Amino acid sequence: AYSSIAHMGWMTAILAYNPTMTLLNLVLYILMTTTTFMLFMYNSSTTTLSLSHSWNKTPLITASILAMMLSLGGLPPLTGFIPKWMIIQELTKNDSIIMPTLMAITALLNLYFYMRLAYSTSLTMFPSTNNMKIKWQFTSTKQMPCLAPMIVISTLALPLTPMLSVLN
């Protein structure tokens, strides 16, 4: 819920200046959120505790969750950075300095929540008493054929930025 409210704030801030950018932000957010929830469904994760178990079972999916969390947080090499950068750029073009500065500072708070999930998912290992630490040899029965392309598009669309800036 916090993520949706934060992203809606970014979209509302730019709506008056550039509605196309609002739509771009919405599309990218829906794409990244859908991919994230597909990854959670693949892992059957419903709590932060169940996320901490995922590193033992599916390390590649867990690494993808890490990339998605960082992308949703808006770190520069990933897709989530594109709309935030373009919105800050558009607001500064329209002589608004205080608003994008406050938005960039509050984006750090948003990043903290994503980093907390990323830390519990991929940077900690749940203590286990069994001798078999890696359970990834067992195949999953869940079929999600569009998960791989969604991960790639969700995390690596940054090279498309010059093409997206033409839309403005």
N, C-alpha and C. Protein backbone atom coordinates (compact mmCIF):
# COMPACT_ATOMS: atom_id res chain seq x y z
N ALA A 1 0.83 -1.19 0.00
CA ALA A 1 0.00 0.00 0.00
C ALA A 1 0.87 1.25 0.00
N TYR A 2 1.95 1.22 0.78
CA TYR A 2 2.83 2.39 0.82
C TYR A 2 3.46 2.65 -0.54
N SER A 3 3.83 1.60 -1.22
CA SER A 3 4.44 1.74 -2.54
C SER A 3 3.48 2.40 -3.52
N SER A 4 2.23 1.97 -3.51
CA SER A 4 1.24 2.55 -4.42
C SER A 4 1.01 4.03 -4.11
N ILE A 5 0.93 4.35 -2.83
CA ILE A 5 0.71 5.76 -2.45
C ILE A 5 1.90 6.61 -2.88
N ALA A 6 3.11 6.10 -2.67
CA ALA A 6 4.30 6.86 -3.05
C ALA A 6 4.37 7.07 -4.57
N HIS A 7 4.08 6.02 -5.33
CA HIS A 7 4.13 6.17 -6.79
C HIS A 7 3.00 7.07 -7.30
N MET A 8 1.85 7.01 -6.66
CA MET A 8 0.76 7.92 -7.05
C MET A 8 1.14 9.38 -6.77
N GLY A 9 1.93 9.60 -5.73
CA GLY A 9 2.41 10.96 -5.47
C GLY A 9 3.30 11.47 -6.59
N TRP A 10 4.16 10.61 -7.10
CA TRP A 10 5.00 11.00 -8.23
C TRP A 10 4.13 11.31 -9.46
N MET A 11 3.13 10.48 -9.70
CA MET A 11 2.26 10.69 -10.86
C MET A 11 1.42 11.95 -10.72
N THR A 12 0.94 12.23 -9.51
CA THR A 12 0.12 13.42 -9.28
C THR A 12 0.95 14.69 -9.44
N ALA A 13 2.21 14.63 -9.01
CA ALA A 13 3.08 15.81 -9.09
C ALA A 13 3.33 16.23 -10.54
N ILE A 14 3.39 15.29 -11.45
CA ILE A 14 3.72 15.62 -12.84
C ILE A 14 2.48 15.75 -13.73
N LEU A 15 1.33 15.36 -13.23
CA LEU A 15 0.11 15.33 -14.04
C LEU A 15 -0.21 16.68 -14.68
N ALA A 16 -0.04 17.77 -13.96
CA ALA A 16 -0.37 19.09 -14.50
C ALA A 16 0.61 19.53 -15.60
N TYR A 17 1.85 19.08 -15.51
CA TYR A 17 2.87 19.51 -16.47
C TYR A 17 2.97 18.61 -17.69
N ASN A 18 2.85 17.31 -17.49
CA ASN A 18 3.05 16.38 -18.59
C ASN A 18 2.24 15.10 -18.36
N PRO A 19 1.00 15.06 -18.86
CA PRO A 19 0.16 13.86 -18.66
C PRO A 19 0.73 12.59 -19.30
N THR A 20 1.49 12.74 -20.37
CA THR A 20 2.10 11.56 -21.01
C THR A 20 3.09 10.90 -20.07
N MET A 21 3.83 11.70 -19.33
CA MET A 21 4.79 11.15 -18.39
C MET A 21 4.08 10.44 -17.23
N THR A 22 2.91 10.95 -16.87
CA THR A 22 2.12 10.27 -15.84
C THR A 22 1.72 8.88 -16.32
N LEU A 23 1.30 8.79 -17.56
CA LEU A 23 0.92 7.50 -18.12
C LEU A 23 2.12 6.56 -18.21
N LEU A 24 3.28 7.08 -18.60
CA LEU A 24 4.50 6.28 -18.66
C LEU A 24 4.85 5.74 -17.28
N ASN A 25 4.76 6.60 -16.27
CA ASN A 25 5.05 6.19 -14.91
C ASN A 25 4.07 5.10 -14.46
N LEU A 26 2.81 5.25 -14.78
CA LEU A 26 1.80 4.26 -14.41
C LEU A 26 2.07 2.92 -15.08
N VAL A 27 2.38 2.93 -16.35
CA VAL A 27 2.63 1.69 -17.09
C VAL A 27 3.85 0.97 -16.52
N LEU A 28 4.92 1.71 -16.27
CA LEU A 28 6.12 1.08 -15.72
C LEU A 28 5.88 0.57 -14.31
N TYR A 29 5.12 1.29 -13.52
CA TYR A 29 4.82 0.83 -12.16
C TYR A 29 3.97 -0.44 -12.18
N ILE A 30 2.98 -0.48 -13.05
CA ILE A 30 2.15 -1.69 -13.16
C ILE A 30 2.99 -2.87 -13.62
N LEU A 31 3.88 -2.65 -14.57
CA LEU A 31 4.76 -3.71 -15.06
C LEU A 31 5.66 -4.24 -13.94
N MET A 32 6.29 -3.33 -13.20
CA MET A 32 7.20 -3.76 -12.13
C MET A 32 6.44 -4.42 -10.98
N THR A 33 5.28 -3.91 -10.64
CA THR A 33 4.50 -4.49 -9.55
C THR A 33 3.96 -5.86 -9.93
N THR A 34 3.51 -6.01 -11.15
CA THR A 34 3.02 -7.31 -11.62
C THR A 34 4.14 -8.34 -11.58
N THR A 35 5.32 -7.96 -12.03
CA THR A 35 6.46 -8.88 -12.00
C THR A 35 6.81 -9.26 -10.57
N THR A 36 6.79 -8.28 -9.68
CA THR A 36 7.12 -8.55 -8.28
C THR A 36 6.12 -9.52 -7.66
N PHE A 37 4.84 -9.30 -7.91
CA PHE A 37 3.85 -10.21 -7.34
C PHE A 37 3.90 -11.59 -7.98
N MET A 38 4.28 -11.66 -9.26
CA MET A 38 4.46 -12.97 -9.89
C MET A 38 5.61 -13.72 -9.23
N LEU A 39 6.69 -12.99 -8.89
CA LEU A 39 7.81 -13.63 -8.20
C LEU A 39 7.40 -14.10 -6.81
N PHE A 40 6.60 -13.30 -6.11
CA PHE A 40 6.12 -13.71 -4.80
C PHE A 40 5.20 -14.93 -4.90
N MET A 41 4.36 -14.96 -5.93
CA MET A 41 3.47 -16.10 -6.12
C MET A 41 4.28 -17.36 -6.45
N TYR A 42 5.33 -17.22 -7.25
CA TYR A 42 6.17 -18.35 -7.60
C TYR A 42 6.81 -18.95 -6.35
N ASN A 43 7.20 -18.08 -5.41
CA ASN A 43 7.82 -18.53 -4.16
C ASN A 43 6.79 -18.88 -3.09
N SER A 44 5.53 -18.61 -3.33
CA SER A 44 4.47 -18.76 -2.33
C SER A 44 4.78 -17.95 -1.08
N SER A 45 5.28 -16.73 -1.28
CA SER A 45 5.66 -15.86 -0.17
C SER A 45 4.50 -14.95 0.20
N THR A 46 4.16 -14.96 1.47
CA THR A 46 3.09 -14.09 1.95
C THR A 46 3.55 -13.19 3.08
N THR A 47 4.66 -13.52 3.73
CA THR A 47 5.17 -12.71 4.83
C THR A 47 6.66 -12.48 4.64
N THR A 48 7.20 -11.57 5.43
CA THR A 48 8.63 -11.32 5.38
C THR A 48 9.40 -12.55 5.84
N LEU A 49 8.85 -13.29 6.79
CA LEU A 49 9.49 -14.52 7.24
C LEU A 49 9.56 -15.55 6.12
N SER A 50 8.49 -15.69 5.35
CA SER A 50 8.53 -16.65 4.25
C SER A 50 9.48 -16.19 3.15
N LEU A 51 9.70 -14.88 3.03
CA LEU A 51 10.70 -14.40 2.08
C LEU A 51 12.10 -14.81 2.50
N SER A 52 12.36 -14.85 3.80
CA SER A 52 13.70 -15.23 4.26
C SER A 52 13.99 -16.70 3.99
N HIS A 53 12.97 -17.53 3.78
CA HIS A 53 13.16 -18.94 3.46
C HIS A 53 13.47 -19.13 1.98
N SER A 54 13.19 -18.15 1.15
CA SER A 54 13.27 -18.35 -0.29
C SER A 54 14.70 -18.49 -0.81
N TRP A 55 15.68 -17.98 -0.10
CA TRP A 55 17.07 -18.05 -0.59
C TRP A 55 17.53 -19.51 -0.67
N ASN A 56 17.11 -20.33 0.29
CA ASN A 56 17.50 -21.75 0.27
C ASN A 56 16.83 -22.52 -0.86
N LYS A 57 15.60 -22.13 -1.22
CA LYS A 57 14.83 -22.90 -2.20
C LYS A 57 15.10 -22.46 -3.63
N THR A 58 15.03 -21.16 -3.89
CA THR A 58 15.14 -20.66 -5.27
C THR A 58 16.06 -19.45 -5.31
N PRO A 59 17.37 -19.67 -5.40
CA PRO A 59 18.30 -18.53 -5.38
C PRO A 59 18.17 -17.60 -6.58
N LEU A 60 17.84 -18.12 -7.77
CA LEU A 60 17.72 -17.24 -8.93
C LEU A 60 16.48 -16.35 -8.82
N ILE A 61 15.38 -16.91 -8.36
CA ILE A 61 14.17 -16.12 -8.17
C ILE A 61 14.40 -15.08 -7.07
N THR A 62 15.14 -15.47 -6.05
CA THR A 62 15.44 -14.54 -4.96
C THR A 62 16.29 -13.38 -5.45
N ALA A 63 17.26 -13.67 -6.32
CA ALA A 63 18.07 -12.59 -6.90
C ALA A 63 17.20 -11.68 -7.77
N SER A 64 16.23 -12.27 -8.45
CA SER A 64 15.30 -11.45 -9.25
C SER A 64 14.43 -10.57 -8.36
N ILE A 65 14.02 -11.09 -7.21
CA ILE A 65 13.25 -10.28 -6.27
C ILE A 65 14.10 -9.11 -5.78
N LEU A 66 15.38 -9.36 -5.52
CA LEU A 66 16.29 -8.28 -5.13
C LEU A 66 16.35 -7.20 -6.20
N ALA A 67 16.51 -7.61 -7.46
CA ALA A 67 16.56 -6.64 -8.56
C ALA A 67 15.25 -5.87 -8.69
N MET A 68 14.12 -6.55 -8.50
CA MET A 68 12.82 -5.88 -8.59
C MET A 68 12.63 -4.88 -7.46
N MET A 69 13.05 -5.23 -6.26
CA MET A 69 12.92 -4.31 -5.12
C MET A 69 13.77 -3.06 -5.35
N LEU A 70 14.97 -3.26 -5.86
CA LEU A 70 15.83 -2.11 -6.14
C LEU A 70 15.28 -1.27 -7.29
N SER A 71 14.67 -1.92 -8.27
CA SER A 71 14.06 -1.20 -9.38
C SER A 71 12.85 -0.40 -8.90
N LEU A 72 12.01 -0.99 -8.08
CA LEU A 72 10.86 -0.25 -7.54
C LEU A 72 11.31 0.91 -6.67
N GLY A 73 12.44 0.74 -6.00
CA GLY A 73 12.99 1.82 -5.19
C GLY A 73 13.56 2.96 -6.02
N GLY A 74 13.88 2.71 -7.26
CA GLY A 74 14.34 3.77 -8.16
C GLY A 74 15.84 3.94 -8.22
N LEU A 75 16.60 2.87 -8.06
CA LEU A 75 18.05 2.98 -8.16
C LEU A 75 18.47 3.12 -9.62
N PRO A 76 19.49 3.94 -9.91
CA PRO A 76 19.83 4.32 -11.28
C PRO A 76 20.05 3.24 -12.33
N PRO A 77 20.65 2.11 -12.08
CA PRO A 77 20.82 1.23 -13.25
C PRO A 77 19.56 0.47 -13.65
N LEU A 78 18.47 0.66 -12.94
CA LEU A 78 17.28 -0.15 -13.18
C LEU A 78 16.12 0.69 -13.70
N THR A 79 15.06 0.04 -14.13
CA THR A 79 13.93 0.68 -14.79
C THR A 79 13.19 1.68 -13.92
N GLY A 80 13.07 1.43 -12.63
CA GLY A 80 12.34 2.32 -11.75
C GLY A 80 12.94 3.71 -11.64
N PHE A 81 14.18 3.85 -12.07
CA PHE A 81 14.85 5.15 -12.04
C PHE A 81 14.34 6.07 -13.16
N ILE A 82 13.91 5.50 -14.27
CA ILE A 82 13.51 6.28 -15.45
C ILE A 82 12.41 7.29 -15.13
N PRO A 83 11.25 6.85 -14.61
CA PRO A 83 10.19 7.83 -14.39
C PRO A 83 10.54 8.87 -13.34
N LYS A 84 11.25 8.45 -12.30
CA LYS A 84 11.61 9.42 -11.26
C LYS A 84 12.55 10.49 -11.81
N TRP A 85 13.53 10.07 -12.59
CA TRP A 85 14.46 11.03 -13.17
C TRP A 85 13.74 11.98 -14.14
N MET A 86 12.86 11.42 -14.96
CA MET A 86 12.16 12.26 -15.94
C MET A 86 11.19 13.23 -15.24
N ILE A 87 10.57 12.80 -14.15
CA ILE A 87 9.66 13.69 -13.42
C ILE A 87 10.43 14.80 -12.75
N ILE A 88 11.55 14.48 -12.13
CA ILE A 88 12.39 15.52 -11.51
C ILE A 88 12.88 16.49 -12.57
N GLN A 89 13.28 15.98 -13.71
CA GLN A 89 13.76 16.83 -14.80
C GLN A 89 12.65 17.76 -15.30
N GLU A 90 11.45 17.24 -15.47
CA GLU A 90 10.33 18.04 -15.95
C GLU A 90 9.92 19.11 -14.94
N LEU A 91 9.93 18.75 -13.66
CA LEU A 91 9.57 19.73 -12.64
C LEU A 91 10.60 20.86 -12.55
N THR A 92 11.87 20.52 -12.70
CA THR A 92 12.89 21.58 -12.67
C THR A 92 12.85 22.45 -13.92
N LYS A 93 12.43 21.89 -15.05
CA LYS A 93 12.24 22.70 -16.27
C LYS A 93 11.15 23.74 -16.06
N ASN A 94 10.16 23.39 -15.25
CA ASN A 94 9.04 24.29 -15.00
C ASN A 94 9.26 25.15 -13.75
N ASP A 95 10.51 25.40 -13.42
CA ASP A 95 10.91 26.30 -12.33
C ASP A 95 10.38 25.87 -10.97
N SER A 96 10.27 24.60 -10.76
CA SER A 96 9.89 24.09 -9.45
C SER A 96 11.10 23.36 -8.89
N ILE A 97 11.72 23.95 -7.88
CA ILE A 97 12.94 23.38 -7.31
C ILE A 97 12.64 22.66 -5.99
N ILE A 98 11.78 23.23 -5.18
CA ILE A 98 11.52 22.67 -3.85
C ILE A 98 10.80 21.33 -3.96
N MET A 99 9.79 21.25 -4.81
CA MET A 99 9.01 20.01 -4.95
C MET A 99 9.89 18.82 -5.37
N PRO A 100 10.70 18.90 -6.45
CA PRO A 100 11.51 17.73 -6.80
C PRO A 100 12.56 17.40 -5.75
N THR A 101 13.05 18.41 -5.03
CA THR A 101 14.01 18.14 -3.96
C THR A 101 13.35 17.33 -2.84
N LEU A 102 12.16 17.74 -2.44
CA LEU A 102 11.43 17.00 -1.40
C LEU A 102 11.06 15.60 -1.88
N MET A 103 10.69 15.49 -3.13
CA MET A 103 10.33 14.18 -3.67
C MET A 103 11.53 13.25 -3.71
N ALA A 104 12.69 13.78 -4.06
CA ALA A 104 13.90 12.95 -4.10
C ALA A 104 14.29 12.51 -2.68
N ILE A 105 14.11 13.39 -1.71
CA ILE A 105 14.44 13.03 -0.33
C ILE A 105 13.47 11.98 0.20
N THR A 106 12.19 12.14 -0.10
CA THR A 106 11.22 11.14 0.38
C THR A 106 11.35 9.82 -0.38
N ALA A 107 11.93 9.86 -1.57
CA ALA A 107 12.17 8.60 -2.30
C ALA A 107 13.17 7.73 -1.53
N LEU A 108 14.02 8.36 -0.74
CA LEU A 108 14.95 7.59 0.09
C LEU A 108 14.21 6.79 1.16
N LEU A 109 13.15 7.37 1.70
CA LEU A 109 12.33 6.64 2.66
C LEU A 109 11.67 5.43 2.00
N ASN A 110 11.18 5.64 0.79
CA ASN A 110 10.59 4.56 0.01
C ASN A 110 11.64 3.47 -0.25
N LEU A 111 12.84 3.88 -0.58
CA LEU A 111 13.92 2.94 -0.84
C LEU A 111 14.26 2.13 0.42
N TYR A 112 14.13 2.74 1.58
CA TYR A 112 14.39 2.02 2.84
C TYR A 112 13.45 0.83 2.98
N PHE A 113 12.17 0.99 2.69
CA PHE A 113 11.23 -0.12 2.81
C PHE A 113 11.53 -1.23 1.80
N TYR A 114 11.91 -0.84 0.59
CA TYR A 114 12.28 -1.85 -0.40
C TYR A 114 13.56 -2.56 0.00
N MET A 115 14.51 -1.83 0.55
CA MET A 115 15.77 -2.44 0.97
C MET A 115 15.54 -3.39 2.15
N ARG A 116 14.60 -3.07 3.00
CA ARG A 116 14.29 -3.96 4.12
C ARG A 116 13.76 -5.29 3.59
N LEU A 117 12.88 -5.24 2.59
CA LEU A 117 12.39 -6.48 1.98
C LEU A 117 13.51 -7.21 1.24
N ALA A 118 14.35 -6.46 0.53
CA ALA A 118 15.46 -7.07 -0.21
C ALA A 118 16.45 -7.72 0.76
N TYR A 119 16.69 -7.08 1.88
CA TYR A 119 17.62 -7.63 2.86
C TYR A 119 17.08 -8.93 3.45
N SER A 120 15.81 -8.93 3.83
CA SER A 120 15.25 -10.14 4.42
C SER A 120 15.11 -11.26 3.40
N THR A 121 15.01 -10.91 2.12
CA THR A 121 14.85 -11.93 1.09
C THR A 121 16.18 -12.53 0.66
N SER A 122 17.11 -11.68 0.26
CA SER A 122 18.29 -12.22 -0.41
C SER A 122 19.60 -12.04 0.35
N LEU A 123 19.61 -11.27 1.39
CA LEU A 123 20.88 -11.05 2.08
C LEU A 123 20.93 -11.74 3.44
N THR A 124 19.91 -12.47 3.78
CA THR A 124 19.92 -13.26 5.01
C THR A 124 19.57 -14.70 4.66
N MET A 125 20.06 -15.60 5.46
CA MET A 125 19.72 -17.01 5.25
C MET A 125 19.02 -17.50 6.51
N PHE A 126 17.87 -18.07 6.33
CA PHE A 126 17.09 -18.55 7.46
C PHE A 126 17.85 -19.67 8.15
N PRO A 127 17.97 -19.61 9.48
CA PRO A 127 18.67 -20.69 10.18
C PRO A 127 17.94 -22.02 10.02
N SER A 128 18.69 -23.02 9.72
CA SER A 128 18.10 -24.33 9.47
C SER A 128 18.89 -25.40 10.22
N THR A 129 18.20 -26.39 10.72
CA THR A 129 18.88 -27.47 11.43
C THR A 129 19.21 -28.64 10.51
N ASN A 130 18.69 -28.62 9.30
CA ASN A 130 18.98 -29.75 8.41
C ASN A 130 20.35 -29.59 7.78
N ASN A 131 20.88 -30.66 7.25
CA ASN A 131 22.20 -30.64 6.64
C ASN A 131 22.17 -30.13 5.21
N MET A 132 21.03 -30.14 4.61
CA MET A 132 20.92 -29.72 3.21
C MET A 132 20.51 -28.25 3.16
N LYS A 133 21.47 -27.39 2.93
CA LYS A 133 21.20 -25.95 2.91
C LYS A 133 20.57 -25.50 1.60
N ILE A 134 20.91 -26.16 0.52
CA ILE A 134 20.41 -25.72 -0.79
C ILE A 134 19.35 -26.70 -1.26
N LYS A 135 18.15 -26.19 -1.41
CA LYS A 135 17.04 -27.05 -1.84
C LYS A 135 16.63 -26.77 -3.29
N TRP A 136 17.46 -26.11 -4.05
CA TRP A 136 17.06 -25.70 -5.38
C TRP A 136 17.07 -26.83 -6.39
N GLN A 137 17.54 -27.99 -6.02
CA GLN A 137 17.54 -29.11 -6.96
C GLN A 137 16.14 -29.62 -7.24
N PHE A 138 15.21 -29.37 -6.34
CA PHE A 138 13.84 -29.83 -6.54
C PHE A 138 13.14 -28.90 -7.51
N THR A 139 12.49 -29.47 -8.49
CA THR A 139 11.81 -28.66 -9.50
C THR A 139 10.48 -28.14 -8.97
N SER A 140 10.12 -26.97 -9.44
CA SER A 140 8.85 -26.37 -9.05
C SER A 140 7.75 -26.84 -9.99
N THR A 141 6.56 -26.98 -9.45
CA THR A 141 5.44 -27.41 -10.28
C THR A 141 4.66 -26.23 -10.85
N LYS A 142 4.99 -25.01 -10.44
CA LYS A 142 4.27 -23.84 -10.92
C LYS A 142 4.74 -23.46 -12.32
N GLN A 143 3.79 -23.18 -13.19
CA GLN A 143 4.11 -22.79 -14.55
C GLN A 143 3.78 -21.30 -14.74
N MET A 144 4.79 -20.50 -14.97
CA MET A 144 4.61 -19.08 -15.24
C MET A 144 5.46 -18.73 -16.47
N PRO A 145 4.92 -18.95 -17.66
CA PRO A 145 5.72 -18.80 -18.88
C PRO A 145 6.16 -17.36 -19.16
N CYS A 146 5.40 -16.38 -18.72
CA CYS A 146 5.77 -15.00 -19.04
C CYS A 146 6.60 -14.35 -17.95
N LEU A 147 7.04 -15.10 -16.94
CA LEU A 147 7.80 -14.52 -15.85
C LEU A 147 9.18 -14.04 -16.30
N ALA A 148 9.89 -14.84 -17.07
CA ALA A 148 11.24 -14.45 -17.51
C ALA A 148 11.24 -13.17 -18.35
N PRO A 149 10.40 -13.04 -19.38
CA PRO A 149 10.40 -11.77 -20.12
C PRO A 149 9.97 -10.58 -19.26
N MET A 150 9.06 -10.81 -18.32
CA MET A 150 8.62 -9.71 -17.46
C MET A 150 9.76 -9.23 -16.56
N ILE A 151 10.58 -10.16 -16.07
CA ILE A 151 11.73 -9.77 -15.25
C ILE A 151 12.70 -8.94 -16.07
N VAL A 152 12.98 -9.38 -17.29
CA VAL A 152 13.92 -8.66 -18.14
C VAL A 152 13.39 -7.26 -18.47
N ILE A 153 12.15 -7.17 -18.86
CA ILE A 153 11.58 -5.86 -19.20
C ILE A 153 11.50 -4.96 -17.96
N SER A 154 11.13 -5.54 -16.84
CA SER A 154 10.95 -4.75 -15.62
C SER A 154 12.25 -4.19 -15.08
N THR A 155 13.34 -4.89 -15.27
CA THR A 155 14.59 -4.43 -14.68
C THR A 155 15.55 -3.78 -15.67
N LEU A 156 15.42 -4.08 -16.94
CA LEU A 156 16.43 -3.62 -17.89
C LEU A 156 15.90 -2.71 -18.99
N ALA A 157 14.87 -1.95 -18.72
CA ALA A 157 14.33 -1.05 -19.74
C ALA A 157 15.04 0.31 -19.76
N LEU A 158 16.08 0.48 -18.96
CA LEU A 158 16.79 1.75 -18.91
C LEU A 158 17.37 2.18 -20.26
N PRO A 159 17.89 1.27 -21.10
CA PRO A 159 18.37 1.72 -22.42
C PRO A 159 17.28 2.31 -23.31
N LEU A 160 16.02 2.11 -22.98
CA LEU A 160 14.93 2.67 -23.77
C LEU A 160 14.65 4.13 -23.41
N THR A 161 15.36 4.68 -22.46
CA THR A 161 15.11 6.04 -22.00
C THR A 161 15.17 7.09 -23.12
N PRO A 162 16.17 7.06 -24.01
CA PRO A 162 16.16 8.07 -25.08
C PRO A 162 14.91 7.99 -25.95
N MET A 163 14.42 6.79 -26.20
CA MET A 163 13.22 6.65 -27.00
C MET A 163 12.00 7.16 -26.24
N LEU A 164 11.97 6.94 -24.91
CA LEU A 164 10.86 7.39 -24.11
C LEU A 164 10.85 8.91 -23.96
N SER A 165 12.03 9.53 -23.97
CA SER A 165 12.08 10.98 -23.83
C SER A 165 11.54 11.69 -25.08
N VAL A 166 11.46 11.00 -26.21
CA VAL A 166 10.88 11.56 -27.42
C VAL A 166 9.38 11.76 -27.24
N LEU A 167 8.76 10.97 -26.37
CA LEU A 167 7.32 11.07 -26.14
C LEU A 167 6.92 12.39 -25.49
N ASN A 168 7.87 13.05 -24.86
CA ASN A 168 7.53 14.31 -24.15
C ASN A 168 7.23 15.43 -25.09
